[in-house]
Amino acid sequence: QVQLVESGGGLVQAGGSLRLSCAASGRTNSAYAMAWFRQAPGKGREFVAAISGNGGTTPYADSVKARFTISRDNAKNTVYLQMNSLKPEDTAVYYCAATLWGTRNYDKGYDYWGQGTQVTVSS
C-alpha cells in the first residue's frame, strides 16, 4: 500500500504562485509514476501533469503547459507541483496519484490517491 498526503494549497491572487507537495509513504519507491489531477466544483477530475519514476517523462495538460512544473525528489519520497501565473480557472481541489504502470493522463490509470488540497485563485 502507498499513502499520499498533499500540502501547499491555499488562496492566491491571479498571477501568483503556489507550490504543492505530495509526500508518499508505505511501499514507495522510484518505480512509481506520480501525477497531479484536479477537480473544480461541478466538474470531473482533470489530468494536470505526471512524472515518471526517474523524472525523465513529464506530460502536461495543455491548459497548464509553460505555467506548471512537476518534479520529484525520490530521496524524500515527495512530488511537487510548482504553479505560476495562476488563473481563476485553476481553482480546484488538487489530488496526487501514484501507479506502477507509467505516466497516464486519465484517473483510472492510477491506483493510489491522496485526500486533496484546495487551491483557490481570486481575480
Protein backbone atom coordinates (compact mmCIF):
# COMPACT_ATOMS: atom_id res chain seq x y z
CA GLN A 1 0.00 0.00 0.00
CA VAL A 2 1.02 3.57 -0.68
CA GLN A 3 -0.22 6.55 1.30
CA LEU A 4 -0.17 10.01 -0.25
CA VAL A 5 -0.57 13.32 1.58
CA GLU A 6 -0.85 16.61 -0.29
CA SER A 7 0.00 20.02 1.14
CA GLY A 8 0.66 23.56 -0.01
CA GLY A 9 -2.76 24.63 -1.20
CA GLY A 10 -4.30 27.95 -0.30
CA LEU A 11 -5.74 31.23 -1.52
CA VAL A 12 -3.73 33.27 -4.00
CA GLN A 13 -4.43 36.19 -6.32
CA ALA A 14 -4.44 35.75 -10.08
CA GLY A 15 -0.91 35.89 -11.42
CA GLY A 16 0.53 34.48 -8.21
CA SER A 17 2.31 31.21 -7.48
CA LEU A 18 1.93 28.18 -5.23
CA ARG A 19 3.93 25.01 -4.78
CA LEU A 20 2.09 21.83 -3.91
CA SER A 21 3.81 18.87 -2.29
CA CYS A 22 2.81 15.22 -2.17
CA ALA A 23 4.54 13.08 0.43
CA ALA A 24 4.43 9.33 -0.17
CA SER A 25 4.80 6.64 2.47
CA GLY A 26 4.36 2.89 2.68
CA ARG A 27 5.58 0.69 -0.15
CA THR A 28 7.07 3.56 -2.11
CA ASN A 29 9.99 3.52 -4.48
CA SER A 30 11.17 5.31 -7.57
CA ALA A 31 9.36 2.80 -9.80
CA TYR A 32 6.06 4.61 -9.20
CA ALA A 33 4.89 7.17 -11.69
CA MET A 34 3.19 10.09 -9.96
CA ALA A 35 0.61 12.58 -11.16
CA TRP A 36 -1.46 15.58 -10.21
CA PHE A 37 -5.14 15.82 -11.04
CA ARG A 38 -7.65 18.50 -10.13
CA GLN A 39 -11.38 18.76 -9.70
CA ALA A 40 -13.29 22.01 -9.83
CA PRO A 41 -16.79 22.32 -8.33
CA GLY A 42 -19.36 20.60 -10.51
CA LYS A 43 -16.73 19.16 -12.86
CA GLY A 44 -14.98 15.86 -13.33
CA ARG A 45 -11.44 15.10 -12.28
CA GLU A 46 -8.95 16.53 -14.77
CA PHE A 47 -5.37 15.49 -15.51
CA VAL A 48 -2.78 18.18 -14.78
CA ALA A 49 0.69 16.63 -15.00
CA ALA A 50 2.58 13.39 -14.43
CA ILE A 51 6.17 12.33 -13.88
CA SER A 52 7.88 9.00 -14.43
CA GLY A 53 9.87 7.23 -11.76
CA ASN A 54 13.21 8.66 -12.89
CA GLY A 55 11.74 12.06 -13.75
CA GLY A 56 12.56 11.72 -17.43
CA THR A 57 8.98 11.85 -18.72
CA THR A 58 6.67 14.70 -17.74
CA PRO A 59 3.44 15.08 -19.72
CA TYR A 60 1.24 18.10 -19.02
CA ALA A 61 -2.29 19.13 -19.81
CA ASP A 62 -2.37 21.83 -22.47
CA SER A 63 -4.11 24.19 -20.06
CA VAL A 64 -1.11 24.28 -17.71
CA LYS A 65 1.87 23.91 -20.06
CA ALA A 66 4.52 26.61 -19.56
CA ARG A 67 2.89 27.63 -16.25
CA PHE A 68 3.14 24.50 -14.09
CA THR A 69 6.18 22.31 -13.44
CA ILE A 70 6.10 18.84 -11.90
CA SER A 71 9.21 17.44 -10.20
CA ARG A 72 10.14 14.77 -7.70
CA ASP A 73 12.74 14.07 -5.04
CA ASN A 74 12.97 10.29 -4.69
CA ALA A 75 15.23 10.57 -1.64
CA LYS A 76 12.38 12.37 0.13
CA ASN A 77 9.55 10.36 -1.50
CA THR A 78 7.98 13.66 -2.48
CA VAL A 79 6.49 15.05 -5.67
CA TYR A 80 6.00 18.75 -6.28
CA LEU A 81 3.83 20.90 -8.49
CA GLN A 82 5.11 24.42 -8.98
CA MET A 83 2.24 26.56 -10.22
CA ASN A 84 3.00 30.00 -11.67
CA SER A 85 0.83 32.62 -13.37
CA LEU A 86 -2.23 31.19 -11.68
CA LYS A 87 -5.66 31.95 -13.12
CA PRO A 88 -9.11 31.83 -11.53
CA GLU A 89 -9.88 28.79 -13.69
CA ASP A 90 -7.11 26.91 -11.87
CA THR A 91 -9.30 26.92 -8.76
CA ALA A 92 -9.89 23.29 -7.76
CA VAL A 93 -9.05 20.56 -5.32
CA TYR A 94 -5.69 19.15 -6.39
CA TYR A 95 -5.03 15.44 -5.94
CA CYS A 96 -1.81 13.46 -6.03
CA ALA A 97 -1.87 9.94 -7.50
CA ALA A 98 0.55 7.05 -7.97
CA THR A 99 0.85 3.98 -10.18
CA LEU A 100 3.41 1.37 -11.13
CA TRP A 101 2.21 1.38 -14.74
CA GLY A 102 3.83 4.51 -16.16
CA THR A 103 2.64 8.05 -16.73
CA ARG A 104 -1.05 8.15 -17.66
CA ASN A 105 -3.28 11.15 -18.33
CA TYR A 106 -6.52 9.57 -17.06
CA ASP A 107 -7.56 8.95 -13.47
CA LYS A 108 -8.41 5.27 -13.87
CA GLY A 109 -4.74 4.65 -14.66
CA TYR A 110 -3.76 5.36 -11.05
CA ASP A 111 -4.05 3.06 -8.07
CA TYR A 112 -3.37 5.31 -5.10
CA TRP A 113 -4.77 8.74 -4.28
CA GLY A 114 -4.32 11.43 -1.68
CA GLN A 115 -7.14 13.34 0.02
CA GLY A 116 -6.54 16.51 -1.95
CA THR A 117 -5.60 20.10 -1.20
CA GLN A 118 -7.70 23.15 -2.09
CA VAL A 119 -6.30 25.81 -4.40
CA THR A 120 -8.33 28.98 -4.80
CA VAL A 121 -7.29 31.74 -7.20
CA SER A 122 -9.06 35.06 -6.82
CA SER A 123 -9.47 37.51 -9.69
